[in-house]
Amino acid sequence: MSRYTGPSYRKARRFGFSITETGKELLKKAYAPGQHGTKRGKKLSNYGIQLQEKQKVRFMYGLSEKQFKKTFNEASKLKGVLGEDFLKLLESRLDNLVYRTGFATTRKGARQLVNHGHITVNGKKVDIPSYRVKPGDIISVKENSKDLAIIKASLEAVNSRVEFITYDDNKMSATYVRYPERTELNADINESLIVEFYNR
């Protein structure tokens, strides 16, 4: 299954979960899309519940099924709590950290900035959205991209940042200080269901 590129608002309403983590998608229409959207709530099987949890997290981070499972397999080789390690690896993707820093207003926009070569890691251009950033790495906007209107507008819209990133406004760069704690990530995610899905 390829990466979903359709409207995130529709998926958010389908799952009753904010894909962008802003809650905006559910403000106007807090029910599933379609003619019978108001009837969302039919009882799901255990498999259905696990699948839905996996899908909503996959759509949130914007990964294909292959990328998502590969990341899960990598997390399974680590020594910590599997579900938490999995989320930490997803958070460590370059496109996600570009979004968390505020260089883009959405993860889709962040992925595009990376793909187009506007982002550097430790001073070197990286155009791979799935690039795994390590604690201590510095993410910056490339020098000749600092005047891009889309980046400036996004930075001006930032109200707050996560604590595992420090931002230098003068240099337009962020340092990935450490891996996030579980309490700093989305509380509406039940990662244990994803673990059950892949371990069934």
N, C-alpha and C. Protein backbone atom coordinates (compact mmCIF):
# COMPACT_ATOMS: atom_id res chain seq x y z
N MET A 1 0.85 -1.19 0.00
CA MET A 1 0.00 0.00 0.00
C MET A 1 0.89 1.24 0.00
N SER A 2 0.62 2.15 -0.94
CA SER A 2 1.45 3.34 -1.06
C SER A 2 1.07 4.38 -0.01
N ARG A 3 1.89 5.41 0.06
CA ARG A 3 1.63 6.48 1.03
C ARG A 3 0.38 7.26 0.62
N TYR A 4 -0.48 7.55 1.57
CA TYR A 4 -1.73 8.27 1.30
C TYR A 4 -1.43 9.73 1.01
N THR A 5 -1.98 10.24 -0.10
CA THR A 5 -1.72 11.63 -0.47
C THR A 5 -3.02 12.44 -0.57
N GLY A 6 -4.13 11.83 -0.16
CA GLY A 6 -5.41 12.52 -0.23
C GLY A 6 -5.62 13.50 0.91
N PRO A 7 -6.84 14.00 1.07
CA PRO A 7 -7.14 14.99 2.11
C PRO A 7 -7.04 14.42 3.52
N SER A 8 -6.23 15.07 4.35
CA SER A 8 -6.04 14.59 5.73
C SER A 8 -7.30 14.81 6.56
N TYR A 9 -8.08 15.84 6.23
CA TYR A 9 -9.29 16.12 7.01
C TYR A 9 -10.28 14.95 6.91
N ARG A 10 -10.37 14.37 5.72
CA ARG A 10 -11.30 13.25 5.53
C ARG A 10 -10.88 12.05 6.37
N LYS A 11 -9.58 11.76 6.39
CA LYS A 11 -9.08 10.65 7.19
C LYS A 11 -9.26 10.93 8.69
N ALA A 12 -9.04 12.17 9.07
CA ALA A 12 -9.19 12.55 10.48
C ALA A 12 -10.63 12.30 10.94
N ARG A 13 -11.58 12.68 10.11
CA ARG A 13 -12.98 12.48 10.45
C ARG A 13 -13.34 11.00 10.44
N ARG A 14 -12.71 10.26 9.55
CA ARG A 14 -12.96 8.81 9.46
C ARG A 14 -12.58 8.11 10.77
N PHE A 15 -11.46 8.54 11.35
CA PHE A 15 -10.97 7.90 12.56
C PHE A 15 -11.36 8.63 13.85
N GLY A 16 -11.92 9.83 13.71
CA GLY A 16 -12.23 10.62 14.90
C GLY A 16 -10.96 11.01 15.63
N PHE A 17 -9.94 11.29 14.86
CA PHE A 17 -8.60 11.53 15.41
C PHE A 17 -7.91 12.60 14.58
N SER A 18 -7.32 13.59 15.22
CA SER A 18 -6.68 14.69 14.49
C SER A 18 -5.35 14.25 13.91
N ILE A 19 -5.31 14.08 12.59
CA ILE A 19 -4.09 13.66 11.89
C ILE A 19 -3.01 14.72 12.03
N THR A 20 -3.39 15.99 12.01
CA THR A 20 -2.41 17.08 12.10
C THR A 20 -2.06 17.42 13.55
N GLU A 21 -2.78 16.82 14.50
CA GLU A 21 -2.58 17.04 15.94
C GLU A 21 -2.98 18.46 16.38
N THR A 22 -3.73 19.15 15.52
CA THR A 22 -4.20 20.50 15.88
C THR A 22 -5.67 20.48 16.32
N GLY A 23 -6.39 19.45 15.92
CA GLY A 23 -7.82 19.34 16.23
C GLY A 23 -8.71 20.09 15.26
N LYS A 24 -8.11 20.80 14.31
CA LYS A 24 -8.89 21.64 13.39
C LYS A 24 -9.81 20.81 12.50
N GLU A 25 -9.37 19.59 12.17
CA GLU A 25 -10.16 18.79 11.23
C GLU A 25 -11.52 18.40 11.80
N LEU A 26 -11.61 18.33 13.13
CA LEU A 26 -12.83 17.84 13.75
C LEU A 26 -13.73 18.95 14.30
N LEU A 27 -13.31 20.20 14.14
CA LEU A 27 -14.07 21.31 14.71
C LEU A 27 -15.43 21.50 14.03
N LYS A 28 -15.44 21.50 12.70
CA LYS A 28 -16.68 21.78 11.98
C LYS A 28 -17.56 20.54 11.81
N LYS A 29 -16.90 19.41 11.53
CA LYS A 29 -17.66 18.18 11.28
C LYS A 29 -17.05 17.04 12.10
N ALA A 30 -17.53 16.88 13.30
CA ALA A 30 -16.98 15.86 14.19
C ALA A 30 -17.65 14.51 13.97
N TYR A 31 -17.81 14.13 12.71
CA TYR A 31 -18.40 12.83 12.39
C TYR A 31 -17.74 12.32 11.12
N ALA A 32 -17.91 11.03 10.87
CA ALA A 32 -17.24 10.40 9.72
C ALA A 32 -17.77 10.97 8.41
N PRO A 33 -16.93 10.97 7.35
CA PRO A 33 -17.38 11.48 6.05
C PRO A 33 -18.37 10.53 5.40
N GLY A 34 -19.09 11.02 4.40
CA GLY A 34 -20.03 10.19 3.67
C GLY A 34 -21.47 10.43 4.08
N GLN A 35 -22.37 9.86 3.31
CA GLN A 35 -23.81 10.07 3.52
C GLN A 35 -24.29 9.61 4.90
N HIS A 36 -23.65 8.54 5.42
CA HIS A 36 -24.08 7.99 6.70
C HIS A 36 -23.03 8.22 7.79
N GLY A 37 -22.32 9.34 7.65
CA GLY A 37 -21.23 9.63 8.57
C GLY A 37 -21.64 9.70 10.02
N THR A 38 -22.85 10.17 10.25
CA THR A 38 -23.29 10.32 11.65
C THR A 38 -23.48 8.97 12.34
N LYS A 39 -23.45 7.88 11.56
CA LYS A 39 -23.67 6.57 12.14
C LYS A 39 -22.36 5.88 12.53
N ARG A 40 -21.24 6.63 12.50
CA ARG A 40 -19.98 6.03 12.91
C ARG A 40 -20.10 5.51 14.33
N GLY A 41 -19.48 4.41 14.62
CA GLY A 41 -19.55 3.88 15.96
C GLY A 41 -19.97 2.42 15.97
N LYS A 42 -20.06 1.79 14.76
CA LYS A 42 -20.39 0.36 14.74
C LYS A 42 -19.27 -0.40 15.45
N LYS A 43 -19.63 -1.47 16.10
CA LYS A 43 -18.68 -2.22 16.92
C LYS A 43 -17.64 -2.91 16.04
N LEU A 44 -16.37 -2.68 16.38
CA LEU A 44 -15.27 -3.29 15.64
C LEU A 44 -14.76 -4.52 16.36
N SER A 45 -14.21 -5.46 15.60
CA SER A 45 -13.56 -6.62 16.19
C SER A 45 -12.23 -6.17 16.78
N ASN A 46 -11.57 -7.04 17.54
CA ASN A 46 -10.25 -6.71 18.08
C ASN A 46 -9.27 -6.38 16.96
N TYR A 47 -9.35 -7.17 15.89
CA TYR A 47 -8.49 -6.92 14.73
C TYR A 47 -8.79 -5.54 14.13
N GLY A 48 -10.08 -5.22 14.02
CA GLY A 48 -10.47 -3.93 13.46
C GLY A 48 -9.97 -2.76 14.29
N ILE A 49 -10.02 -2.91 15.61
CA ILE A 49 -9.54 -1.86 16.51
C ILE A 49 -8.03 -1.67 16.35
N GLN A 50 -7.30 -2.79 16.27
CA GLN A 50 -5.84 -2.73 16.10
C GLN A 50 -5.47 -2.12 14.75
N LEU A 51 -6.19 -2.53 13.71
CA LEU A 51 -5.94 -2.01 12.37
C LEU A 51 -6.20 -0.51 12.32
N GLN A 52 -7.30 -0.07 12.92
CA GLN A 52 -7.64 1.36 12.92
C GLN A 52 -6.56 2.18 13.63
N GLU A 53 -6.05 1.67 14.74
CA GLU A 53 -5.00 2.38 15.47
C GLU A 53 -3.73 2.49 14.63
N LYS A 54 -3.40 1.39 13.97
CA LYS A 54 -2.21 1.38 13.11
C LYS A 54 -2.38 2.38 11.96
N GLN A 55 -3.56 2.39 11.35
CA GLN A 55 -3.81 3.26 10.21
C GLN A 55 -3.76 4.73 10.59
N LYS A 56 -4.35 5.08 11.73
CA LYS A 56 -4.40 6.50 12.08
C LYS A 56 -3.00 7.04 12.37
N VAL A 57 -2.13 6.22 12.98
CA VAL A 57 -0.75 6.65 13.24
C VAL A 57 0.04 6.70 11.92
N ARG A 58 -0.21 5.74 11.06
CA ARG A 58 0.47 5.73 9.75
C ARG A 58 0.11 6.97 8.94
N PHE A 59 -1.16 7.32 8.94
CA PHE A 59 -1.59 8.51 8.21
C PHE A 59 -1.06 9.79 8.86
N MET A 60 -0.98 9.79 10.19
CA MET A 60 -0.48 10.96 10.90
C MET A 60 0.94 11.29 10.49
N TYR A 61 1.79 10.27 10.43
CA TYR A 61 3.19 10.49 10.06
C TYR A 61 3.41 10.46 8.55
N GLY A 62 2.38 10.07 7.80
CA GLY A 62 2.46 10.11 6.34
C GLY A 62 3.36 9.06 5.72
N LEU A 63 3.32 7.84 6.25
CA LEU A 63 4.18 6.77 5.75
C LEU A 63 3.39 5.77 4.92
N SER A 64 4.10 5.08 4.04
CA SER A 64 3.50 3.95 3.33
C SER A 64 3.49 2.77 4.29
N GLU A 65 2.72 1.75 3.97
CA GLU A 65 2.67 0.56 4.82
C GLU A 65 4.05 -0.07 4.95
N LYS A 66 4.79 -0.11 3.85
CA LYS A 66 6.12 -0.72 3.85
C LYS A 66 7.08 0.04 4.79
N GLN A 67 7.06 1.37 4.72
CA GLN A 67 7.90 2.20 5.58
C GLN A 67 7.52 2.03 7.05
N PHE A 68 6.21 1.98 7.28
CA PHE A 68 5.69 1.88 8.64
C PHE A 68 6.13 0.57 9.29
N LYS A 69 5.97 -0.54 8.55
CA LYS A 69 6.34 -1.85 9.10
C LYS A 69 7.85 -1.95 9.26
N LYS A 70 8.60 -1.38 8.34
CA LYS A 70 10.06 -1.40 8.44
C LYS A 70 10.52 -0.69 9.72
N THR A 71 9.90 0.44 10.01
CA THR A 71 10.23 1.18 11.23
C THR A 71 9.87 0.37 12.47
N PHE A 72 8.72 -0.32 12.41
CA PHE A 72 8.31 -1.16 13.54
C PHE A 72 9.33 -2.27 13.77
N ASN A 73 9.79 -2.88 12.69
CA ASN A 73 10.77 -3.96 12.79
C ASN A 73 12.08 -3.45 13.39
N GLU A 74 12.46 -2.23 13.03
CA GLU A 74 13.68 -1.64 13.59
C GLU A 74 13.50 -1.41 15.09
N ALA A 75 12.31 -0.94 15.48
CA ALA A 75 12.03 -0.69 16.90
C ALA A 75 12.05 -1.99 17.70
N SER A 76 11.65 -3.09 17.07
CA SER A 76 11.59 -4.37 17.78
C SER A 76 12.98 -4.88 18.14
N LYS A 77 14.00 -4.34 17.51
CA LYS A 77 15.38 -4.76 17.81
C LYS A 77 16.01 -3.93 18.92
N LEU A 78 15.31 -2.90 19.37
CA LEU A 78 15.82 -2.06 20.45
C LEU A 78 15.46 -2.69 21.80
N LYS A 79 16.10 -2.20 22.85
CA LYS A 79 15.96 -2.84 24.16
C LYS A 79 14.86 -2.25 25.05
N GLY A 80 14.25 -1.16 24.62
CA GLY A 80 13.25 -0.51 25.46
C GLY A 80 11.86 -1.10 25.27
N VAL A 81 10.84 -0.32 25.65
CA VAL A 81 9.44 -0.72 25.45
C VAL A 81 9.12 -0.56 23.97
N LEU A 82 8.69 -1.64 23.34
CA LEU A 82 8.55 -1.67 21.88
C LEU A 82 7.67 -0.53 21.33
N GLY A 83 6.48 -0.36 21.89
CA GLY A 83 5.58 0.67 21.38
C GLY A 83 6.16 2.07 21.50
N GLU A 84 6.81 2.35 22.62
CA GLU A 84 7.41 3.67 22.84
C GLU A 84 8.62 3.88 21.93
N ASP A 85 9.43 2.84 21.77
CA ASP A 85 10.58 2.93 20.87
C ASP A 85 10.13 3.19 19.43
N PHE A 86 9.02 2.55 19.06
CA PHE A 86 8.46 2.74 17.72
C PHE A 86 8.09 4.20 17.49
N LEU A 87 7.38 4.80 18.45
CA LEU A 87 7.00 6.20 18.33
C LEU A 87 8.22 7.12 18.30
N LYS A 88 9.25 6.78 19.07
CA LYS A 88 10.48 7.59 19.09
C LYS A 88 11.17 7.57 17.73
N LEU A 89 11.16 6.41 17.07
CA LEU A 89 11.77 6.32 15.74
C LEU A 89 10.96 7.12 14.72
N LEU A 90 9.65 7.09 14.84
CA LEU A 90 8.80 7.89 13.94
C LEU A 90 9.05 9.38 14.16
N GLU A 91 9.19 9.78 15.41
CA GLU A 91 9.45 11.18 15.74
C GLU A 91 10.83 11.63 15.25
N SER A 92 11.76 10.70 15.09
CA SER A 92 13.13 11.04 14.71
C SER A 92 13.32 11.18 13.20
N ARG A 93 12.26 10.97 12.44
CA ARG A 93 12.34 11.18 10.99
C ARG A 93 12.58 12.67 10.71
N LEU A 94 13.36 12.95 9.69
CA LEU A 94 13.68 14.34 9.36
C LEU A 94 12.44 15.16 9.03
N ASP A 95 11.53 14.59 8.22
CA ASP A 95 10.34 15.37 7.84
C ASP A 95 9.51 15.72 9.07
N ASN A 96 9.42 14.80 10.02
CA ASN A 96 8.65 15.07 11.23
C ASN A 96 9.29 16.18 12.06
N LEU A 97 10.62 16.17 12.18
CA LEU A 97 11.30 17.17 12.99
C LEU A 97 11.29 18.55 12.32
N VAL A 98 11.29 18.57 10.99
CA VAL A 98 11.14 19.83 10.26
C VAL A 98 9.77 20.42 10.58
N TYR A 99 8.77 19.55 10.64
CA TYR A 99 7.41 19.98 11.02
C TYR A 99 7.36 20.44 12.47
N ARG A 100 7.95 19.65 13.37
CA ARG A 100 7.95 20.00 14.79
C ARG A 100 8.67 21.33 15.05
N THR A 101 9.70 21.59 14.27
CA THR A 101 10.46 22.84 14.43
C THR A 101 9.63 24.04 14.01
N GLY A 102 8.77 23.85 13.02
CA GLY A 102 7.93 24.95 12.55
C GLY A 102 8.32 25.48 11.19
N PHE A 103 9.22 24.78 10.49
CA PHE A 103 9.60 25.20 9.15
C PHE A 103 8.46 24.96 8.16
N ALA A 104 7.51 24.10 8.53
CA ALA A 104 6.33 23.83 7.70
C ALA A 104 5.13 23.66 8.63
N THR A 105 3.94 23.95 8.12
CA THR A 105 2.74 23.88 8.95
C THR A 105 2.13 22.48 8.97
N THR A 106 2.57 21.62 8.05
CA THR A 106 2.08 20.24 8.02
C THR A 106 3.26 19.30 7.74
N ARG A 107 3.07 18.02 8.03
CA ARG A 107 4.13 17.06 7.71
C ARG A 107 4.29 16.90 6.21
N LYS A 108 3.20 17.06 5.46
CA LYS A 108 3.29 17.01 3.99
C LYS A 108 4.17 18.13 3.49
N GLY A 109 3.96 19.32 4.05
CA GLY A 109 4.77 20.48 3.66
C GLY A 109 6.22 20.28 4.03
N ALA A 110 6.45 19.68 5.20
CA ALA A 110 7.82 19.43 5.65
C ALA A 110 8.51 18.43 4.72
N ARG A 111 7.78 17.41 4.31
CA ARG A 111 8.34 16.42 3.39
C ARG A 111 8.74 17.07 2.08
N GLN A 112 7.93 18.01 1.63
CA GLN A 112 8.22 18.71 0.37
C GLN A 112 9.48 19.57 0.50
N LEU A 113 9.62 20.26 1.64
CA LEU A 113 10.82 21.08 1.86
C LEU A 113 12.07 20.21 1.82
N VAL A 114 11.99 19.05 2.45
CA VAL A 114 13.15 18.14 2.46
C VAL A 114 13.42 17.62 1.05
N ASN A 115 12.39 17.16 0.38
CA ASN A 115 12.55 16.63 -0.98
C ASN A 115 13.18 17.63 -1.94
N HIS A 116 12.86 18.91 -1.75
CA HIS A 116 13.35 19.95 -2.65
C HIS A 116 14.71 20.50 -2.23
N GLY A 117 15.30 19.91 -1.21
CA GLY A 117 16.67 20.27 -0.84
C GLY A 117 16.83 21.55 -0.05
N HIS A 118 15.78 21.96 0.67
CA HIS A 118 15.86 23.21 1.44
C HIS A 118 16.41 23.01 2.86
N ILE A 119 16.60 21.76 3.26
CA ILE A 119 16.97 21.46 4.65
C ILE A 119 18.36 20.81 4.73
N THR A 120 19.10 21.20 5.77
CA THR A 120 20.41 20.57 6.02
C THR A 120 20.41 19.94 7.41
N VAL A 121 21.24 18.92 7.56
CA VAL A 121 21.48 18.30 8.86
C VAL A 121 22.97 18.36 9.12
N ASN A 122 23.34 19.04 10.19
CA ASN A 122 24.76 19.26 10.52
C ASN A 122 25.53 19.89 9.36
N GLY A 123 24.84 20.82 8.67
CA GLY A 123 25.48 21.58 7.60
C GLY A 123 25.47 20.91 6.23
N LYS A 124 24.97 19.68 6.13
CA LYS A 124 24.94 18.98 4.85
C LYS A 124 23.50 18.80 4.37
N LYS A 125 23.28 19.08 3.08
CA LYS A 125 21.93 18.95 2.53
C LYS A 125 21.47 17.50 2.60
N VAL A 126 20.26 17.33 3.11
CA VAL A 126 19.64 16.00 3.16
C VAL A 126 18.27 16.12 2.51
N ASP A 127 18.03 15.34 1.46
CA ASP A 127 16.74 15.42 0.76
C ASP A 127 15.94 14.13 0.87
N ILE A 128 16.17 13.39 1.95
CA ILE A 128 15.45 12.14 2.21
C ILE A 128 14.57 12.33 3.44
N PRO A 129 13.25 12.42 3.26
CA PRO A 129 12.35 12.68 4.39
C PRO A 129 12.46 11.66 5.52
N SER A 130 12.77 10.41 5.19
CA SER A 130 12.84 9.35 6.20
C SER A 130 14.18 9.31 6.93
N TYR A 131 15.08 10.22 6.59
CA TYR A 131 16.41 10.25 7.23
C TYR A 131 16.24 10.26 8.75
N ARG A 132 16.96 9.39 9.44
CA ARG A 132 16.86 9.27 10.89
C ARG A 132 17.79 10.26 11.57
N VAL A 133 17.21 11.24 12.23
CA VAL A 133 17.99 12.26 12.94
C VAL A 133 18.37 11.72 14.32
N LYS A 134 19.58 11.99 14.74
CA LYS A 134 20.05 11.51 16.04
C LYS A 134 20.11 12.67 17.02
N PRO A 135 19.94 12.40 18.32
CA PRO A 135 20.08 13.47 19.31
C PRO A 135 21.43 14.16 19.17
N GLY A 136 21.39 15.50 19.19
CA GLY A 136 22.60 16.30 18.99
C GLY A 136 22.72 16.84 17.58
N ASP A 137 21.97 16.26 16.63
CA ASP A 137 22.01 16.74 15.24
C ASP A 137 21.32 18.10 15.14
N ILE A 138 21.85 18.92 14.23
CA ILE A 138 21.30 20.27 14.01
C ILE A 138 20.59 20.33 12.66
N ILE A 139 19.33 20.69 12.68
CA ILE A 139 18.51 20.81 11.47
C ILE A 139 18.37 22.29 11.12
N SER A 140 18.74 22.65 9.91
CA SER A 140 18.71 24.07 9.51
C SER A 140 18.07 24.23 8.14
N VAL A 141 17.64 25.46 7.87
CA VAL A 141 17.20 25.83 6.53
C VAL A 141 18.45 26.22 5.74
N LYS A 142 18.57 25.72 4.53
CA LYS A 142 19.72 26.03 3.69
C LYS A 142 19.82 27.53 3.49
N GLU A 143 21.02 28.05 3.45
CA GLU A 143 21.26 29.49 3.42
C GLU A 143 20.44 30.21 2.35
N ASN A 144 20.45 29.69 1.13
CA ASN A 144 19.73 30.39 0.06
C ASN A 144 18.22 30.10 0.06
N SER A 145 17.73 29.39 1.09
CA SER A 145 16.29 29.12 1.20
C SER A 145 15.66 29.88 2.37
N LYS A 146 16.46 30.63 3.11
CA LYS A 146 15.97 31.29 4.32
C LYS A 146 14.95 32.39 4.05
N ASP A 147 14.92 32.89 2.82
CA ASP A 147 13.97 33.95 2.50
C ASP A 147 12.68 33.42 1.87
N LEU A 148 12.54 32.10 1.82
CA LEU A 148 11.31 31.53 1.24
C LEU A 148 10.09 31.97 2.06
N ALA A 149 9.10 32.53 1.37
CA ALA A 149 7.91 33.06 2.05
C ALA A 149 7.17 31.97 2.83
N ILE A 150 7.13 30.76 2.28
CA ILE A 150 6.38 29.68 2.94
C ILE A 150 7.01 29.28 4.27
N ILE A 151 8.34 29.34 4.35
CA ILE A 151 9.03 29.01 5.59
C ILE A 151 8.84 30.14 6.61
N LYS A 152 8.97 31.38 6.15
CA LYS A 152 8.79 32.53 7.05
C LYS A 152 7.38 32.56 7.63
N ALA A 153 6.39 32.30 6.78
CA ALA A 153 5.00 32.33 7.23
C ALA A 153 4.75 31.21 8.24
N SER A 154 5.34 30.07 8.00
CA SER A 154 5.17 28.94 8.92
C SER A 154 5.80 29.24 10.28
N LEU A 155 6.99 29.82 10.28
CA LEU A 155 7.67 30.15 11.53
C LEU A 155 6.90 31.21 12.33
N GLU A 156 6.29 32.15 11.62
CA GLU A 156 5.52 33.19 12.29
C GLU A 156 4.26 32.63 12.96
N ALA A 157 3.79 31.48 12.46
CA ALA A 157 2.57 30.87 12.99
C ALA A 157 2.83 29.96 14.19
N VAL A 158 4.10 29.75 14.51
CA VAL A 158 4.44 28.84 15.62
C VAL A 158 4.11 29.48 16.96
N ASN A 159 3.36 28.75 17.78
CA ASN A 159 3.02 29.22 19.12
C ASN A 159 3.92 28.60 20.18
N SER A 160 4.26 27.35 19.98
CA SER A 160 5.13 26.65 20.93
C SER A 160 5.80 25.48 20.22
N ARG A 161 6.87 24.98 20.83
CA ARG A 161 7.59 23.83 20.28
C ARG A 161 7.73 22.76 21.35
N VAL A 162 7.97 21.55 20.88
CA VAL A 162 8.18 20.44 21.82
C VAL A 162 9.51 20.64 22.55
N GLU A 163 9.60 20.08 23.75
CA GLU A 163 10.76 20.33 24.60
C GLU A 163 12.01 19.56 24.18
N PHE A 164 11.84 18.56 23.31
CA PHE A 164 13.02 17.81 22.88
C PHE A 164 13.73 18.45 21.68
N ILE A 165 13.27 19.66 21.34
CA ILE A 165 13.92 20.46 20.28
C ILE A 165 14.23 21.84 20.84
N THR A 166 15.43 22.35 20.58
CA THR A 166 15.74 23.75 20.89
C THR A 166 15.90 24.49 19.58
N TYR A 167 15.41 25.72 19.53
CA TYR A 167 15.42 26.48 18.27
C TYR A 167 16.20 27.77 18.41
N ASP A 168 17.05 28.05 17.42
CA ASP A 168 17.82 29.29 17.35
C ASP A 168 17.24 30.15 16.24
N ASP A 169 16.54 31.20 16.61
CA ASP A 169 15.85 32.04 15.63
C ASP A 169 16.84 32.77 14.71
N ASN A 170 17.98 33.19 15.25
CA ASN A 170 18.96 33.92 14.44
C ASN A 170 19.56 33.05 13.34
N LYS A 171 19.79 31.79 13.64
CA LYS A 171 20.41 30.88 12.67
C LYS A 171 19.38 30.08 11.87
N MET A 172 18.10 30.18 12.26
CA MET A 172 17.03 29.38 11.66
C MET A 172 17.43 27.90 11.69
N SER A 173 17.81 27.46 12.88
CA SER A 173 18.21 26.06 13.04
C SER A 173 17.67 25.51 14.35
N ALA A 174 17.49 24.21 14.37
CA ALA A 174 16.99 23.52 15.57
C ALA A 174 17.90 22.37 15.91
N THR A 175 18.05 22.12 17.20
CA THR A 175 18.85 20.98 17.66
C THR A 175 17.91 19.93 18.24
N TYR A 176 18.06 18.71 17.75
CA TYR A 176 17.30 17.59 18.29
C TYR A 176 18.03 17.16 19.56
N VAL A 177 17.58 17.66 20.69
CA VAL A 177 18.29 17.52 21.95
C VAL A 177 18.32 16.08 22.46
N ARG A 178 17.16 15.42 22.36
CA ARG A 178 17.05 14.06 22.91
C ARG A 178 15.82 13.39 22.32
N TYR A 179 15.75 12.08 22.53
CA TYR A 179 14.54 11.37 22.13
C TYR A 179 13.38 11.83 23.03
N PRO A 180 12.18 11.90 22.49
CA PRO A 180 11.05 12.36 23.31
C PRO A 180 10.63 11.33 24.35
N GLU A 181 10.08 11.83 25.44
CA GLU A 181 9.46 10.95 26.43
C GLU A 181 8.05 10.62 25.94
N ARG A 182 7.53 9.50 26.35
CA ARG A 182 6.18 9.11 25.91
C ARG A 182 5.14 10.16 26.30
N THR A 183 5.32 10.77 27.46
CA THR A 183 4.35 11.77 27.94
C THR A 183 4.34 13.03 27.07
N GLU A 184 5.37 13.21 26.24
CA GLU A 184 5.45 14.39 25.37
C GLU A 184 4.79 14.15 24.01
N LEU A 185 4.39 12.92 23.77
CA LEU A 185 3.79 12.57 22.48
C LEU A 185 2.28 12.45 22.61
N ASN A 186 1.63 12.28 21.49
CA ASN A 186 0.17 12.29 21.42
C ASN A 186 -0.46 11.26 22.35
N ALA A 187 -1.24 11.76 23.30
CA ALA A 187 -1.86 10.88 24.31
C ALA A 187 -3.00 10.06 23.73
N ASP A 188 -3.51 10.45 22.55
CA ASP A 188 -4.62 9.73 21.94
C ASP A 188 -4.17 8.50 21.16
N ILE A 189 -2.87 8.26 21.11
CA ILE A 189 -2.34 7.08 20.43
C ILE A 189 -2.19 5.94 21.43
N ASN A 190 -2.70 4.78 21.07
CA ASN A 190 -2.52 3.59 21.90
C ASN A 190 -1.57 2.66 21.15
N GLU A 191 -0.28 2.86 21.36
CA GLU A 191 0.72 2.12 20.60
C GLU A 191 0.71 0.63 20.90
N SER A 192 0.18 0.23 22.05
CA SER A 192 0.14 -1.20 22.38
C SER A 192 -0.76 -1.96 21.39
N LEU A 193 -1.78 -1.28 20.83
CA LEU A 193 -2.64 -1.90 19.84
C LEU A 193 -1.88 -2.16 18.54
N ILE A 194 -0.96 -1.27 18.21
CA ILE A 194 -0.14 -1.45 17.00
C ILE A 194 0.80 -2.64 17.20
N VAL A 195 1.37 -2.74 18.40
CA VAL A 195 2.24 -3.88 18.72
C VAL A 195 1.45 -5.17 18.60
N GLU A 196 0.22 -5.17 19.13
CA GLU A 196 -0.63 -6.37 19.04
C GLU A 196 -0.95 -6.70 17.59
N PHE A 197 -1.17 -5.67 16.77
CA PHE A 197 -1.50 -5.88 15.36
C PHE A 197 -0.37 -6.61 14.65
N TYR A 198 0.86 -6.16 14.84
CA TYR A 198 1.99 -6.77 14.14
C TYR A 198 2.45 -8.08 14.77
N ASN A 199 2.07 -8.32 16.02
CA ASN A 199 2.49 -9.54 16.69
C ASN A 199 1.41 -10.63 16.71
N ARG A 200 0.29 -10.35 16.05
CA ARG A 200 -0.81 -11.31 16.12
C ARG A 200 -0.47 -12.60 15.36
